N, C-alpha and C. Protein backbone atom coordinates (compact mmCIF):
# COMPACT_ATOMS: atom_id res chain seq x y z
N MET A 1 2.65 18.03 -9.88
CA MET A 1 2.96 16.62 -10.01
C MET A 1 2.29 16.09 -11.30
N HIS A 2 2.94 15.16 -11.92
CA HIS A 2 2.47 14.59 -13.18
C HIS A 2 1.12 13.88 -12.97
N PRO A 3 0.21 13.97 -13.94
CA PRO A 3 -1.10 13.34 -13.80
C PRO A 3 -1.04 11.82 -13.57
N VAL A 4 -0.07 11.17 -14.19
CA VAL A 4 0.05 9.72 -13.99
C VAL A 4 0.46 9.43 -12.55
N THR A 5 1.35 10.24 -12.01
CA THR A 5 1.76 10.09 -10.62
C THR A 5 0.57 10.25 -9.70
N LYS A 6 -0.26 11.24 -9.99
CA LYS A 6 -1.46 11.45 -9.18
C LYS A 6 -2.39 10.24 -9.26
N LEU A 7 -2.51 9.66 -10.44
CA LEU A 7 -3.35 8.47 -10.59
C LEU A 7 -2.79 7.28 -9.81
N VAL A 8 -1.48 7.09 -9.87
CA VAL A 8 -0.86 5.99 -9.13
C VAL A 8 -1.07 6.19 -7.62
N GLN A 9 -0.90 7.42 -7.16
CA GLN A 9 -1.09 7.68 -5.73
C GLN A 9 -2.56 7.48 -5.33
N ALA A 10 -3.49 7.90 -6.18
CA ALA A 10 -4.91 7.70 -5.89
C ALA A 10 -5.23 6.20 -5.86
N TRP A 11 -4.66 5.45 -6.80
CA TRP A 11 -4.85 4.00 -6.83
C TRP A 11 -4.31 3.37 -5.55
N ALA A 12 -3.12 3.78 -5.14
CA ALA A 12 -2.50 3.22 -3.93
C ALA A 12 -3.36 3.53 -2.70
N LYS A 13 -3.89 4.75 -2.62
CA LYS A 13 -4.77 5.10 -1.50
C LYS A 13 -6.01 4.22 -1.49
N ALA A 14 -6.57 3.96 -2.66
CA ALA A 14 -7.75 3.10 -2.74
C ALA A 14 -7.42 1.67 -2.31
N GLN A 15 -6.22 1.20 -2.68
CA GLN A 15 -5.80 -0.13 -2.28
C GLN A 15 -5.65 -0.24 -0.76
N VAL A 16 -5.07 0.80 -0.16
CA VAL A 16 -4.93 0.82 1.30
C VAL A 16 -6.31 0.79 1.95
N GLN A 17 -7.22 1.59 1.43
CA GLN A 17 -8.57 1.62 2.00
C GLN A 17 -9.24 0.26 1.86
N GLY A 18 -9.03 -0.39 0.72
CA GLY A 18 -9.58 -1.73 0.52
C GLY A 18 -9.04 -2.73 1.52
N LEU A 19 -7.75 -2.65 1.79
CA LEU A 19 -7.15 -3.54 2.79
C LEU A 19 -7.72 -3.25 4.18
N LYS A 20 -7.91 -1.98 4.50
CA LYS A 20 -8.51 -1.62 5.79
C LYS A 20 -9.93 -2.16 5.89
N ASP A 21 -10.69 -2.02 4.82
CA ASP A 21 -12.05 -2.53 4.81
C ASP A 21 -12.07 -4.04 4.99
N ASN A 22 -11.17 -4.73 4.31
CA ASN A 22 -11.07 -6.18 4.46
C ASN A 22 -10.69 -6.58 5.88
N TRP A 23 -9.78 -5.82 6.48
CA TRP A 23 -9.39 -6.10 7.86
C TRP A 23 -10.58 -5.91 8.79
N ALA A 24 -11.31 -4.79 8.61
CA ALA A 24 -12.47 -4.51 9.45
C ALA A 24 -13.55 -5.58 9.29
N ALA A 25 -13.63 -6.16 8.12
CA ALA A 25 -14.62 -7.22 7.87
C ALA A 25 -14.16 -8.57 8.39
N GLY A 26 -12.96 -8.64 8.94
CA GLY A 26 -12.46 -9.90 9.49
C GLY A 26 -11.89 -10.84 8.46
N ASN A 27 -11.53 -10.32 7.31
CA ASN A 27 -11.04 -11.18 6.24
C ASN A 27 -9.60 -11.65 6.42
N PHE A 28 -8.93 -11.18 7.45
CA PHE A 28 -7.56 -11.62 7.70
C PHE A 28 -7.48 -12.49 8.95
N THR A 29 -8.54 -13.23 9.18
CA THR A 29 -8.56 -14.16 10.31
C THR A 29 -8.66 -15.58 9.77
N HIS A 30 -8.23 -16.51 10.59
CA HIS A 30 -8.23 -17.92 10.23
C HIS A 30 -8.38 -18.72 11.50
N GLN A 31 -8.81 -19.94 11.38
CA GLN A 31 -8.96 -20.80 12.55
C GLN A 31 -7.62 -21.02 13.25
N GLU A 32 -6.58 -21.07 12.47
CA GLU A 32 -5.24 -21.28 13.03
C GLU A 32 -4.58 -19.93 13.28
N ALA A 33 -4.05 -19.74 14.48
CA ALA A 33 -3.44 -18.46 14.86
C ALA A 33 -2.29 -18.08 13.93
N GLU A 34 -1.49 -19.08 13.54
CA GLU A 34 -0.35 -18.79 12.67
C GLU A 34 -0.81 -18.28 11.30
N ALA A 35 -1.88 -18.85 10.80
CA ALA A 35 -2.42 -18.42 9.51
C ALA A 35 -2.96 -17.00 9.61
N SER A 36 -3.63 -16.69 10.72
CA SER A 36 -4.11 -15.33 10.93
C SER A 36 -2.95 -14.34 10.99
N ALA A 37 -1.91 -14.72 11.69
CA ALA A 37 -0.73 -13.86 11.79
C ALA A 37 -0.12 -13.62 10.41
N MET A 38 -0.06 -14.65 9.61
CA MET A 38 0.51 -14.52 8.26
C MET A 38 -0.35 -13.63 7.38
N LEU A 39 -1.66 -13.80 7.43
CA LEU A 39 -2.56 -12.95 6.65
C LEU A 39 -2.42 -11.49 7.05
N ASN A 40 -2.35 -11.22 8.34
CA ASN A 40 -2.18 -9.86 8.82
C ASN A 40 -0.83 -9.29 8.43
N ALA A 41 0.21 -10.10 8.54
CA ALA A 41 1.55 -9.63 8.17
C ALA A 41 1.62 -9.28 6.69
N LYS A 42 1.00 -10.08 5.84
CA LYS A 42 0.99 -9.79 4.41
C LYS A 42 0.24 -8.49 4.11
N ALA A 43 -0.87 -8.28 4.81
CA ALA A 43 -1.64 -7.05 4.61
C ALA A 43 -0.85 -5.83 5.07
N ILE A 44 -0.19 -5.96 6.21
CA ILE A 44 0.62 -4.85 6.72
C ILE A 44 1.76 -4.54 5.75
N ALA A 45 2.41 -5.56 5.22
CA ALA A 45 3.49 -5.34 4.26
C ALA A 45 2.96 -4.65 3.00
N ALA A 46 1.79 -5.06 2.54
CA ALA A 46 1.21 -4.43 1.36
C ALA A 46 0.94 -2.95 1.61
N VAL A 47 0.40 -2.64 2.78
CA VAL A 47 0.13 -1.24 3.11
C VAL A 47 1.43 -0.45 3.17
N GLU A 48 2.48 -1.03 3.73
CA GLU A 48 3.77 -0.34 3.81
C GLU A 48 4.30 -0.01 2.42
N VAL A 49 4.20 -0.94 1.50
CA VAL A 49 4.68 -0.69 0.14
C VAL A 49 3.81 0.37 -0.54
N LEU A 50 2.51 0.26 -0.39
CA LEU A 50 1.61 1.26 -0.98
C LEU A 50 1.88 2.65 -0.41
N GLN A 51 2.19 2.74 0.88
CA GLN A 51 2.50 4.02 1.50
C GLN A 51 3.73 4.67 0.87
N LEU A 52 4.68 3.85 0.43
CA LEU A 52 5.85 4.40 -0.26
C LEU A 52 5.43 5.18 -1.49
N PHE A 53 4.49 4.64 -2.26
CA PHE A 53 4.00 5.33 -3.45
C PHE A 53 3.21 6.57 -3.07
N ILE A 54 2.38 6.45 -2.05
CA ILE A 54 1.54 7.57 -1.63
C ILE A 54 2.39 8.75 -1.18
N GLU A 55 3.48 8.47 -0.51
CA GLU A 55 4.30 9.52 0.09
C GLU A 55 5.38 10.08 -0.82
N LEU A 56 5.55 9.50 -2.00
CA LEU A 56 6.55 10.03 -2.93
C LEU A 56 6.20 11.46 -3.31
N ASP A 57 7.20 12.31 -3.34
CA ASP A 57 6.97 13.70 -3.75
C ASP A 57 7.76 14.00 -5.01
N ARG A 58 7.59 15.20 -5.52
CA ARG A 58 8.25 15.60 -6.77
C ARG A 58 9.76 15.43 -6.69
N GLN A 59 10.36 15.80 -5.58
CA GLN A 59 11.80 15.71 -5.41
C GLN A 59 12.28 14.26 -5.54
N GLN A 60 11.55 13.35 -4.91
CA GLN A 60 11.95 11.95 -4.98
C GLN A 60 11.85 11.40 -6.40
N PHE A 61 10.83 11.81 -7.14
CA PHE A 61 10.73 11.39 -8.53
C PHE A 61 11.87 11.98 -9.35
N SER A 62 12.24 13.21 -9.06
CA SER A 62 13.36 13.84 -9.78
C SER A 62 14.65 13.09 -9.52
N GLU A 63 14.84 12.64 -8.28
CA GLU A 63 16.05 11.88 -7.95
C GLU A 63 16.09 10.57 -8.71
N ILE A 64 14.94 9.93 -8.87
CA ILE A 64 14.86 8.68 -9.63
C ILE A 64 15.21 8.96 -11.08
N ASP A 65 14.63 10.01 -11.65
CA ASP A 65 14.86 10.37 -13.04
C ASP A 65 16.31 10.74 -13.29
N ASP A 66 16.94 11.43 -12.35
CA ASP A 66 18.35 11.83 -12.50
C ASP A 66 19.28 10.62 -12.52
N GLY A 67 18.84 9.53 -11.89
CA GLY A 67 19.68 8.34 -11.81
C GLY A 67 19.73 7.52 -13.07
N GLU A 68 18.89 7.82 -14.02
CA GLU A 68 18.86 7.01 -15.26
C GLU A 68 19.82 7.53 -16.29
């Protein structure tokens, strides 16, 4: 895998870990239940997007490159 791809995946993993750490620290809570739900939903969505980068493999990058 290309070194830049490895760096992007390492960055994404670090971002996921940061979000987990923030969640464990209670940073996604709010006095209002709706606000807490929104903060958690945003964090979950961010993790889902980051996971897409983490899970990309050589074949998927080749498919992207072939499409250009």
